Amino acid sequence: MTKEEFKVLVMLYVANVDGHIHENEVEQMLEKTDSATLERIKKDFRKMSDMDILSCIQENKRKFIVDEASKQGFLDEIQSVIAADDHCSPMETHLMRTLKKMLG
């Protein structure tokens, strides 16, 4: 998994926490990756359980989140996806807190 694929997987996970991925969220993701990568990771994402995704985050975080600056940049990109639909649900807020903890 590349850093870009990792980022897209986490963006999809966060965007989907409320049950579906809004078009505005997809548009925001496409500002950060190309459509081929998004579609490829989305296809894999649909096959994965929450546990699979969380395990993938745990396995890959050390490769891509190497210091506080990379962590904050990553979280800022994820937050921009959440904010894209102009509504931050309690579930999305909770997931962001959980991600911050997971990423160390």
N, C-alpha and C. Protein backbone atom coordinates (compact mmCIF):
# COMPACT_ATOMS: atom_id res chain seq x y z
N MET A 1 0.84 -1.18 0.00
CA MET A 1 0.00 0.00 0.00
C MET A 1 0.89 1.24 0.00
N THR A 2 0.56 2.16 -0.89
CA THR A 2 1.30 3.42 -0.95
C THR A 2 0.69 4.42 0.05
N LYS A 3 1.41 5.50 0.27
CA LYS A 3 0.91 6.55 1.16
C LYS A 3 -0.40 7.11 0.63
N GLU A 4 -0.48 7.33 -0.67
CA GLU A 4 -1.70 7.87 -1.27
C GLU A 4 -2.88 6.90 -1.09
N GLU A 5 -2.64 5.61 -1.31
CA GLU A 5 -3.70 4.62 -1.14
C GLU A 5 -4.16 4.56 0.32
N PHE A 6 -3.21 4.64 1.24
CA PHE A 6 -3.53 4.66 2.66
C PHE A 6 -4.42 5.86 2.99
N LYS A 7 -4.03 7.01 2.50
CA LYS A 7 -4.80 8.23 2.75
C LYS A 7 -6.22 8.10 2.19
N VAL A 8 -6.35 7.57 0.98
CA VAL A 8 -7.66 7.41 0.36
C VAL A 8 -8.52 6.42 1.15
N LEU A 9 -7.93 5.34 1.59
CA LEU A 9 -8.68 4.37 2.40
C LEU A 9 -9.23 5.02 3.66
N VAL A 10 -8.41 5.79 4.35
CA VAL A 10 -8.86 6.45 5.57
C VAL A 10 -9.93 7.49 5.26
N MET A 11 -9.76 8.22 4.16
CA MET A 11 -10.78 9.21 3.77
C MET A 11 -12.12 8.53 3.50
N LEU A 12 -12.08 7.41 2.80
CA LEU A 12 -13.32 6.68 2.52
C LEU A 12 -13.96 6.18 3.81
N TYR A 13 -13.15 5.68 4.71
CA TYR A 13 -13.66 5.18 5.99
C TYR A 13 -14.35 6.28 6.77
N VAL A 14 -13.70 7.40 6.87
CA VAL A 14 -14.26 8.53 7.62
C VAL A 14 -15.51 9.07 6.93
N ALA A 15 -15.45 9.21 5.61
CA ALA A 15 -16.61 9.73 4.87
C ALA A 15 -17.82 8.81 4.98
N ASN A 16 -17.57 7.52 5.09
CA ASN A 16 -18.65 6.53 5.13
C ASN A 16 -19.20 6.27 6.53
N VAL A 17 -18.63 6.87 7.55
CA VAL A 17 -19.04 6.57 8.92
C VAL A 17 -20.53 6.88 9.15
N ASP A 18 -21.09 7.81 8.39
CA ASP A 18 -22.51 8.13 8.55
C ASP A 18 -23.40 7.30 7.62
N GLY A 19 -22.83 6.28 6.99
CA GLY A 19 -23.64 5.36 6.20
C GLY A 19 -23.54 5.51 4.70
N HIS A 20 -23.11 6.65 4.23
CA HIS A 20 -22.89 6.81 2.80
C HIS A 20 -21.91 7.94 2.54
N ILE A 21 -21.33 7.91 1.37
CA ILE A 21 -20.32 8.89 0.99
C ILE A 21 -20.99 9.93 0.11
N HIS A 22 -21.00 11.17 0.57
CA HIS A 22 -21.64 12.26 -0.16
C HIS A 22 -20.80 12.68 -1.36
N GLU A 23 -21.46 13.20 -2.36
CA GLU A 23 -20.78 13.66 -3.57
C GLU A 23 -19.73 14.73 -3.24
N ASN A 24 -20.06 15.63 -2.31
CA ASN A 24 -19.10 16.67 -1.92
C ASN A 24 -17.84 16.04 -1.31
N GLU A 25 -18.01 14.95 -0.59
CA GLU A 25 -16.86 14.26 0.00
C GLU A 25 -16.00 13.63 -1.10
N VAL A 26 -16.66 13.06 -2.11
CA VAL A 26 -15.93 12.48 -3.24
C VAL A 26 -15.15 13.58 -3.96
N GLU A 27 -15.78 14.71 -4.19
CA GLU A 27 -15.10 15.83 -4.85
C GLU A 27 -13.88 16.27 -4.06
N GLN A 28 -14.02 16.32 -2.75
CA GLN A 28 -12.90 16.70 -1.89
C GLN A 28 -11.76 15.68 -1.99
N MET A 29 -12.11 14.40 -2.03
CA MET A 29 -11.10 13.36 -2.18
C MET A 29 -10.38 13.49 -3.52
N LEU A 30 -11.13 13.83 -4.56
CA LEU A 30 -10.53 13.96 -5.90
C LEU A 30 -9.58 15.16 -5.99
N GLU A 31 -9.66 16.07 -5.04
CA GLU A 31 -8.69 17.16 -4.98
C GLU A 31 -7.36 16.66 -4.41
N LYS A 32 -7.38 15.48 -3.78
CA LYS A 32 -6.20 14.94 -3.11
C LYS A 32 -5.63 13.70 -3.79
N THR A 33 -6.38 13.14 -4.74
CA THR A 33 -5.93 11.94 -5.46
C THR A 33 -6.57 11.91 -6.83
N ASP A 34 -6.13 11.00 -7.66
CA ASP A 34 -6.72 10.87 -8.99
C ASP A 34 -7.90 9.89 -8.95
N SER A 35 -8.73 9.95 -9.97
CA SER A 35 -9.95 9.13 -9.99
C SER A 35 -9.64 7.64 -10.06
N ALA A 36 -8.57 7.25 -10.74
CA ALA A 36 -8.23 5.83 -10.84
C ALA A 36 -7.88 5.26 -9.46
N THR A 37 -7.09 6.00 -8.70
CA THR A 37 -6.73 5.54 -7.35
C THR A 37 -7.96 5.49 -6.46
N LEU A 38 -8.79 6.51 -6.53
CA LEU A 38 -10.00 6.54 -5.71
C LEU A 38 -10.89 5.34 -6.04
N GLU A 39 -11.11 5.07 -7.30
CA GLU A 39 -11.98 3.95 -7.68
C GLU A 39 -11.39 2.60 -7.28
N ARG A 40 -10.07 2.45 -7.44
CA ARG A 40 -9.42 1.20 -7.07
C ARG A 40 -9.52 0.95 -5.56
N ILE A 41 -9.28 1.97 -4.77
CA ILE A 41 -9.35 1.81 -3.32
C ILE A 41 -10.81 1.67 -2.87
N LYS A 42 -11.71 2.36 -3.54
CA LYS A 42 -13.13 2.23 -3.21
C LYS A 42 -13.61 0.80 -3.43
N LYS A 43 -13.14 0.18 -4.50
CA LYS A 43 -13.51 -1.21 -4.78
C LYS A 43 -13.02 -2.12 -3.65
N ASP A 44 -11.77 -1.93 -3.22
CA ASP A 44 -11.24 -2.72 -2.09
C ASP A 44 -11.99 -2.40 -0.80
N PHE A 45 -12.26 -1.12 -0.59
CA PHE A 45 -12.94 -0.66 0.62
C PHE A 45 -14.29 -1.36 0.80
N ARG A 46 -15.02 -1.52 -0.28
CA ARG A 46 -16.35 -2.15 -0.21
C ARG A 46 -16.28 -3.60 0.25
N LYS A 47 -15.13 -4.24 0.06
CA LYS A 47 -14.95 -5.64 0.45
C LYS A 47 -14.47 -5.79 1.89
N MET A 48 -14.04 -4.69 2.49
CA MET A 48 -13.41 -4.75 3.81
C MET A 48 -14.41 -4.49 4.93
N SER A 49 -14.21 -5.19 6.04
CA SER A 49 -15.00 -4.92 7.24
C SER A 49 -14.34 -3.77 8.00
N ASP A 50 -15.04 -3.25 9.00
CA ASP A 50 -14.45 -2.22 9.85
C ASP A 50 -13.15 -2.72 10.48
N MET A 51 -13.15 -3.97 10.92
CA MET A 51 -11.95 -4.53 11.53
C MET A 51 -10.79 -4.60 10.54
N ASP A 52 -11.09 -4.96 9.29
CA ASP A 52 -10.06 -5.00 8.26
C ASP A 52 -9.44 -3.60 8.05
N ILE A 53 -10.31 -2.60 8.00
CA ILE A 53 -9.84 -1.23 7.78
C ILE A 53 -9.01 -0.75 8.96
N LEU A 54 -9.51 -0.98 10.17
CA LEU A 54 -8.76 -0.55 11.36
C LEU A 54 -7.43 -1.27 11.46
N SER A 55 -7.40 -2.54 11.11
CA SER A 55 -6.14 -3.29 11.10
C SER A 55 -5.17 -2.71 10.07
N CYS A 56 -5.69 -2.36 8.91
CA CYS A 56 -4.87 -1.76 7.86
C CYS A 56 -4.29 -0.42 8.33
N ILE A 57 -5.09 0.37 9.01
CA ILE A 57 -4.59 1.64 9.54
C ILE A 57 -3.48 1.39 10.54
N GLN A 58 -3.70 0.45 11.44
CA GLN A 58 -2.68 0.13 12.44
C GLN A 58 -1.39 -0.37 11.79
N GLU A 59 -1.52 -1.21 10.78
CA GLU A 59 -0.35 -1.79 10.12
C GLU A 59 0.45 -0.76 9.33
N ASN A 60 -0.21 0.23 8.77
CA ASN A 60 0.46 1.16 7.87
C ASN A 60 0.80 2.51 8.47
N LYS A 61 0.26 2.83 9.62
CA LYS A 61 0.47 4.18 10.17
C LYS A 61 1.94 4.50 10.40
N ARG A 62 2.72 3.53 10.82
CA ARG A 62 4.14 3.79 11.10
C ARG A 62 4.93 4.10 9.84
N LYS A 63 4.47 3.57 8.71
CA LYS A 63 5.15 3.84 7.44
C LYS A 63 4.90 5.27 6.95
N PHE A 64 3.70 5.78 7.20
CA PHE A 64 3.28 7.03 6.58
C PHE A 64 3.12 8.21 7.54
N ILE A 65 2.98 7.93 8.81
CA ILE A 65 2.85 8.99 9.81
C ILE A 65 4.13 8.92 10.65
N VAL A 66 5.12 9.69 10.25
CA VAL A 66 6.45 9.54 10.84
C VAL A 66 6.77 10.57 11.92
N ASP A 67 6.02 11.66 11.95
CA ASP A 67 6.25 12.69 12.97
C ASP A 67 4.96 13.49 13.17
N GLU A 68 5.02 14.43 14.09
CA GLU A 68 3.83 15.22 14.41
C GLU A 68 3.35 16.03 13.21
N ALA A 69 4.26 16.54 12.41
CA ALA A 69 3.86 17.33 11.24
C ALA A 69 3.13 16.48 10.21
N SER A 70 3.62 15.27 9.95
CA SER A 70 2.94 14.40 8.98
C SER A 70 1.59 13.95 9.53
N LYS A 71 1.52 13.74 10.83
CA LYS A 71 0.24 13.37 11.47
C LYS A 71 -0.77 14.50 11.32
N GLN A 72 -0.35 15.72 11.62
CA GLN A 72 -1.27 16.85 11.54
C GLN A 72 -1.71 17.11 10.11
N GLY A 73 -0.79 17.02 9.15
CA GLY A 73 -1.16 17.20 7.76
C GLY A 73 -2.16 16.15 7.29
N PHE A 74 -1.93 14.92 7.70
CA PHE A 74 -2.84 13.82 7.37
C PHE A 74 -4.22 14.08 7.96
N LEU A 75 -4.28 14.44 9.24
CA LEU A 75 -5.56 14.70 9.90
C LEU A 75 -6.28 15.89 9.28
N ASP A 76 -5.53 16.91 8.87
CA ASP A 76 -6.15 18.07 8.22
C ASP A 76 -6.82 17.66 6.91
N GLU A 77 -6.16 16.78 6.15
CA GLU A 77 -6.76 16.32 4.89
C GLU A 77 -8.03 15.51 5.15
N ILE A 78 -7.98 14.66 6.17
CA ILE A 78 -9.15 13.86 6.53
C ILE A 78 -10.29 14.77 6.98
N GLN A 79 -9.97 15.77 7.80
CA GLN A 79 -10.98 16.71 8.29
C GLN A 79 -11.63 17.46 7.14
N SER A 80 -10.88 17.79 6.10
CA SER A 80 -11.45 18.50 4.96
C SER A 80 -12.49 17.65 4.24
N VAL A 81 -12.31 16.34 4.24
CA VAL A 81 -13.31 15.45 3.64
C VAL A 81 -14.58 15.45 4.48
N ILE A 82 -14.43 15.37 5.78
CA ILE A 82 -15.59 15.39 6.67
C ILE A 82 -16.37 16.70 6.50
N ALA A 83 -15.66 17.80 6.40
CA ALA A 83 -16.31 19.11 6.30
C ALA A 83 -16.95 19.35 4.93
N ALA A 84 -16.65 18.53 3.96
CA ALA A 84 -17.13 18.75 2.59
C ALA A 84 -18.64 18.71 2.45
N ASP A 85 -19.32 17.94 3.31
CA ASP A 85 -20.78 17.87 3.18
C ASP A 85 -21.48 18.89 4.08
N ASP A 86 -20.72 19.83 4.63
CA ASP A 86 -21.26 20.92 5.47
C ASP A 86 -21.98 20.43 6.70
N HIS A 87 -21.66 19.21 7.12
CA HIS A 87 -22.29 18.68 8.33
C HIS A 87 -21.31 17.71 8.98
N CYS A 88 -21.00 17.95 10.22
CA CYS A 88 -20.10 17.05 10.95
C CYS A 88 -20.94 16.34 12.01
N SER A 89 -21.25 15.10 11.74
CA SER A 89 -22.09 14.33 12.65
C SER A 89 -21.31 13.96 13.90
N PRO A 90 -22.01 13.63 14.98
CA PRO A 90 -21.32 13.16 16.19
C PRO A 90 -20.43 11.94 15.91
N MET A 91 -20.87 11.07 15.01
CA MET A 91 -20.07 9.90 14.67
C MET A 91 -18.75 10.31 13.99
N GLU A 92 -18.82 11.30 13.10
CA GLU A 92 -17.62 11.77 12.43
C GLU A 92 -16.66 12.43 13.43
N THR A 93 -17.20 13.19 14.34
CA THR A 93 -16.38 13.81 15.38
C THR A 93 -15.70 12.75 16.24
N HIS A 94 -16.45 11.75 16.62
CA HIS A 94 -15.89 10.66 17.43
C HIS A 94 -14.81 9.91 16.65
N LEU A 95 -15.06 9.65 15.38
CA LEU A 95 -14.08 8.93 14.57
C LEU A 95 -12.80 9.74 14.43
N MET A 96 -12.89 11.04 14.28
CA MET A 96 -11.68 11.88 14.19
C MET A 96 -10.89 11.80 15.49
N ARG A 97 -11.56 11.82 16.62
CA ARG A 97 -10.85 11.68 17.91
C ARG A 97 -10.16 10.33 17.99
N THR A 98 -10.86 9.29 17.55
CA THR A 98 -10.30 7.94 17.56
C THR A 98 -9.09 7.86 16.64
N LEU A 99 -9.18 8.45 15.46
CA LEU A 99 -8.06 8.45 14.52
C LEU A 99 -6.85 9.14 15.11
N LYS A 100 -7.07 10.27 15.77
CA LYS A 100 -5.96 10.99 16.39
C LYS A 100 -5.24 10.08 17.39
N LYS A 101 -6.01 9.35 18.17
CA LYS A 101 -5.42 8.44 19.14
C LYS A 101 -4.69 7.30 18.44
N MET A 102 -5.30 6.74 17.42
CA MET A 102 -4.69 5.62 16.71
C MET A 102 -3.37 6.00 16.06
N LEU A 103 -3.31 7.21 15.55
CA LEU A 103 -2.12 7.63 14.83
C LEU A 103 -0.99 8.08 15.78
N GLY A 104 -1.33 8.13 17.05
CA GLY A 104 -0.30 8.41 18.06
C GLY A 104 -0.01 9.83 18.18
